[in-house]
């Protein structure tokens, strides 16, 4: 998993806020939401474990 995605997911887990996590890593919130609909990969699996 790329470091940027890892950092996004860690920040999201800490804050519970996609916008805050996205801002922390320099991406748009829509990119964070898009990860949930991406083909299966570690980032998507981590997001699903947090948000079902």
C-alpha atoms as a PDB file:
ATOM      1  CA  UNK A   1       0.000   0.000   0.000  1.00  0.00           C
ATOM      2  CA  UNK A   2       1.429   3.423  -0.903  1.00  0.00           C
ATOM      3  CA  UNK A   3       2.538   5.554   2.042  1.00  0.00           C
ATOM      4  CA  UNK A   4       0.023   8.279   1.197  1.00  0.00           C
ATOM      5  CA  UNK A   5      -2.886   5.834   1.421  1.00  0.00           C
ATOM      6  CA  UNK A   6      -1.498   4.352   4.638  1.00  0.00           C
ATOM      7  CA  UNK A   7      -1.215   7.802   6.197  1.00  0.00           C
ATOM      8  CA  UNK A   8      -4.733   8.692   5.029  1.00  0.00           C
ATOM      9  CA  UNK A   9      -6.188   5.533   6.584  1.00  0.00           C
ATOM     10  CA  UNK A  10      -4.275   5.997   9.848  1.00  0.00           C
ATOM     11  CA  UNK A  11      -5.454   9.596  10.141  1.00  0.00           C
ATOM     12  CA  UNK A  12      -8.995   8.573   9.239  1.00  0.00           C
ATOM     13  CA  UNK A  13      -8.921   5.917  11.965  1.00  0.00           C
ATOM     14  CA  UNK A  14      -7.688   8.497  14.477  1.00  0.00           C
ATOM     15  CA  UNK A  15     -10.091  11.287  13.543  1.00  0.00           C
ATOM     16  CA  UNK A  16     -13.090   9.571  11.951  1.00  0.00           C
ATOM     17  CA  UNK A  17     -13.204  12.395   9.402  1.00  0.00           C
ATOM     18  CA  UNK A  18     -12.486  11.862   5.711  1.00  0.00           C
ATOM     19  CA  UNK A  19     -11.977  15.589   5.077  1.00  0.00           C
ATOM     20  CA  UNK A  20      -9.407  15.894   7.875  1.00  0.00           C
ATOM     21  CA  UNK A  21      -7.547  12.758   6.791  1.00  0.00           C
ATOM     22  CA  UNK A  22      -7.534  13.899   3.175  1.00  0.00           C
ATOM     23  CA  UNK A  23      -6.237  17.336   4.095  1.00  0.00           C
ATOM     24  CA  UNK A  24      -3.506  15.726   6.207  1.00  0.00           C
ATOM     25  CA  UNK A  25      -2.089  13.898   3.180  1.00  0.00           C
ATOM     26  CA  UNK A  26      -2.840  16.573   0.567  1.00  0.00           C
ATOM     27  CA  UNK A  27      -5.708  14.908  -1.269  1.00  0.00           C
ATOM     28  CA  UNK A  28      -9.329  15.818  -1.905  1.00  0.00           C
ATOM     29  CA  UNK A  29     -11.979  14.205   0.306  1.00  0.00           C
ATOM     30  CA  UNK A  30     -13.615  12.770  -2.821  1.00  0.00           C
ATOM     31  CA  UNK A  31     -10.448  10.739  -3.440  1.00  0.00           C
ATOM     32  CA  UNK A  32     -10.773   9.216   0.014  1.00  0.00           C
ATOM     33  CA  UNK A  33     -14.376   8.267  -0.575  1.00  0.00           C
ATOM     34  CA  UNK A  34     -13.395   6.825  -3.956  1.00  0.00           C
ATOM     35  CA  UNK A  35     -11.081   4.342  -2.235  1.00  0.00           C
ATOM     36  CA  UNK A  36     -14.151   2.626  -0.804  1.00  0.00           C
ATOM     37  CA  UNK A  37     -15.372   1.826  -4.311  1.00  0.00           C
ATOM     38  CA  UNK A  38     -12.018   0.807  -5.800  1.00  0.00           C
ATOM     39  CA  UNK A  39     -11.224  -2.793  -6.748  1.00  0.00           C
ATOM     40  CA  UNK A  40     -10.108  -4.836  -3.763  1.00  0.00           C
ATOM     41  CA  UNK A  41      -6.729  -3.826  -2.418  1.00  0.00           C
ATOM     42  CA  UNK A  42      -5.222  -3.283   1.049  1.00  0.00           C
ATOM     43  CA  UNK A  43      -6.473   0.313   1.227  1.00  0.00           C
ATOM     44  CA  UNK A  44     -10.046  -0.687   0.435  1.00  0.00           C
ATOM     45  CA  UNK A  45      -9.869  -3.599   2.874  1.00  0.00           C
ATOM     46  CA  UNK A  46      -8.640  -1.267   5.626  1.00  0.00           C
ATOM     47  CA  UNK A  47     -11.432   1.229   4.946  1.00  0.00           C
ATOM     48  CA  UNK A  48     -14.052  -1.522   5.010  1.00  0.00           C
ATOM     49  CA  UNK A  49     -12.706  -2.813   8.319  1.00  0.00           C
ATOM     50  CA  UNK A  50     -13.220   0.691   9.733  1.00  0.00           C
ATOM     51  CA  UNK A  51     -16.601   1.487   8.163  1.00  0.00           C
ATOM     52  CA  UNK A  52     -18.084  -1.823   7.036  1.00  0.00           C
END
